Protein backbone atom coordinates (compact mmCIF):
# COMPACT_ATOMS: atom_id res chain seq x y z
CA MET A 1 40.25 7.50 -0.95
CA PRO A 2 39.78 5.44 -4.16
CA LYS A 3 36.83 6.55 -6.31
CA SER A 4 34.89 3.28 -5.91
CA THR A 5 35.19 3.45 -2.11
CA LYS A 6 34.06 7.08 -2.16
CA ASP A 7 31.12 6.19 -4.44
CA LEU A 8 30.01 3.44 -2.06
CA LEU A 9 30.30 5.77 0.93
CA GLU A 10 28.30 8.50 -0.86
CA PHE A 11 25.67 5.94 -1.86
CA TRP A 12 25.32 4.78 1.75
CA GLU A 13 25.10 8.37 3.01
CA ASP A 14 22.40 9.17 0.44
CA GLN A 15 20.44 6.12 1.57
CA MET A 16 20.64 7.19 5.20
CA LYS A 17 19.33 10.68 4.36
CA LEU A 18 16.16 8.93 3.18
CA SER A 19 16.10 6.73 6.24
CA HIS A 20 12.64 7.55 7.53
CA THR A 21 10.90 7.01 4.20
CA SER A 22 13.22 4.55 2.54
CA SER A 23 12.67 0.84 2.25
CA ASN A 24 16.44 0.50 2.37
CA TYR A 25 16.39 1.68 5.96
CA PHE A 26 13.37 -0.41 6.95
CA PHE A 27 14.74 -3.67 5.54
CA ARG A 28 18.14 -3.16 7.15
CA LYS A 29 16.84 -2.86 10.71
CA SER A 30 17.67 -6.49 11.39
CA PRO A 31 18.74 -9.66 9.59
CA SER A 32 15.09 -10.80 9.72
CA HIS A 33 13.92 -7.66 7.91
CA TYR A 34 16.59 -8.08 5.23
CA HIS A 35 15.90 -11.79 4.83
CA MET A 36 12.18 -11.06 4.40
CA MET A 37 12.91 -8.53 1.67
CA LEU A 38 15.09 -11.04 -0.18
CA LEU A 39 12.51 -13.83 0.12
CA VAL A 40 9.68 -11.65 -1.20
CA MET A 41 11.73 -10.21 -4.05
CA SER A 42 13.10 -13.63 -4.99
CA ALA A 43 9.56 -15.05 -5.23
CA PHE A 44 8.50 -12.00 -7.25
CA LYS A 45 11.42 -12.30 -9.69
CA LEU A 46 10.81 -16.04 -10.11
CA LYS A 47 7.06 -15.38 -10.60
CA GLN A 48 6.19 -17.58 -7.63
CA ASN A 49 3.40 -17.01 -5.16
CA LEU A 50 4.62 -16.70 -1.59
CA SER A 51 1.96 -17.00 1.08
CA VAL A 52 2.20 -15.16 4.38
CA GLU A 53 2.42 -18.50 6.19
CA GLU A 54 5.22 -19.75 3.90
CA LEU A 55 7.13 -16.52 4.49
CA LYS A 56 6.79 -16.86 8.27
CA THR A 57 8.09 -20.44 8.04
CA LYS A 58 11.07 -19.55 5.82
CA LEU A 59 12.35 -16.68 7.94
CA PHE A 60 15.48 -17.88 9.68
CA LYS A 61 15.49 -17.65 13.50
CA THR A 62 12.44 -15.38 13.64
CA SER A 63 9.36 -16.21 15.69
CA ARG A 64 6.01 -16.29 13.94
CA PRO A 65 4.66 -13.35 15.97
CA LYS A 66 7.76 -11.28 15.15
CA SER A 67 7.43 -12.24 11.47
CA ALA A 68 3.78 -11.14 11.51
CA LEU A 69 4.78 -7.77 13.00
CA ILE A 70 7.41 -7.18 10.31
CA ILE A 71 4.97 -8.16 7.54
CA ASN A 72 2.27 -5.85 8.93
CA GLU A 73 4.71 -2.96 9.23
CA ALA A 74 6.01 -3.50 5.68
CA CYS A 75 2.41 -3.46 4.41
CA GLU A 76 1.55 -0.34 6.43
CA LYS A 77 4.57 1.45 4.95
CA GLY A 78 3.48 0.44 1.44
CA PHE A 79 6.41 -1.83 0.61
CA PHE A 80 4.28 -4.99 0.39
CA TYR A 81 0.60 -5.77 -0.02
CA LEU A 82 -1.48 -8.88 0.57
CA GLU A 83 -3.42 -10.57 -2.19
CA LYS A 84 -6.19 -13.09 -1.48
CA THR A 85 -6.63 -16.11 -3.71
CA SER A 86 -9.92 -16.75 -5.43
CA GLU A 87 -10.01 -20.42 -4.47
CA ASP A 88 -9.24 -19.95 -0.76
CA GLN A 89 -10.03 -16.56 0.77
CA ARG A 90 -8.06 -17.45 3.92
CA LYS A 91 -4.78 -17.78 2.02
CA LYS A 92 -2.96 -14.50 1.36
CA TYR A 93 0.03 -14.00 -0.89
CA ILE A 94 2.56 -11.31 -0.11
CA LYS A 95 3.57 -9.13 -3.04
CA PRO A 96 5.93 -6.17 -3.41
CA SER A 97 4.33 -2.84 -4.31
CA ALA A 98 5.21 -1.15 -7.62
CA SER A 99 7.04 1.65 -5.81
CA PHE A 100 9.08 -0.85 -3.77
CA ILE A 101 9.98 -2.84 -6.90
CA GLU A 102 11.28 0.37 -8.49
CA GLU A 103 13.25 1.32 -5.37
CA PHE A 104 14.70 -2.21 -5.09
CA ASN A 105 15.74 -2.22 -8.76
CA ASP A 106 17.36 1.22 -8.40
CA TYR A 107 19.24 -0.06 -5.35
CA LEU A 108 20.50 -3.15 -7.22
CA SER A 109 21.45 -1.09 -10.26
CA THR A 110 23.47 1.32 -8.13
CA LEU A 111 25.23 -1.54 -6.36
CA LYS A 112 26.08 -3.21 -9.68
CA ASN A 113 27.68 0.02 -10.92
CA LEU A 114 29.94 0.27 -7.88
CA SER A 115 33.10 -1.75 -8.15
CA PHE A 116 36.29 -2.22 -6.23
């Protein structure tokens, strides 16, 4: 097996060993979970505020109740948190936690170092 293929396989196996605590496992449960992760991290990287309602609207082929469940679960697991605005207490922005940002960056860094 070529080294790069073996590295990718080992990386995936390492990720699965962490499956019950890892954000990588949580956000790969479904396309909706993965899409949510990408939307939140994209807004974070672009320094844009993303409200919970905007996130629910942007999720492709996901009902609003299902979106709310995924958001709540991600917050309960500590991957995201909600931030209220000072001008409108009803509006909440969804933000990635510091630990999730670090895990996401490590994941991207590892993927960038794997090549075929």
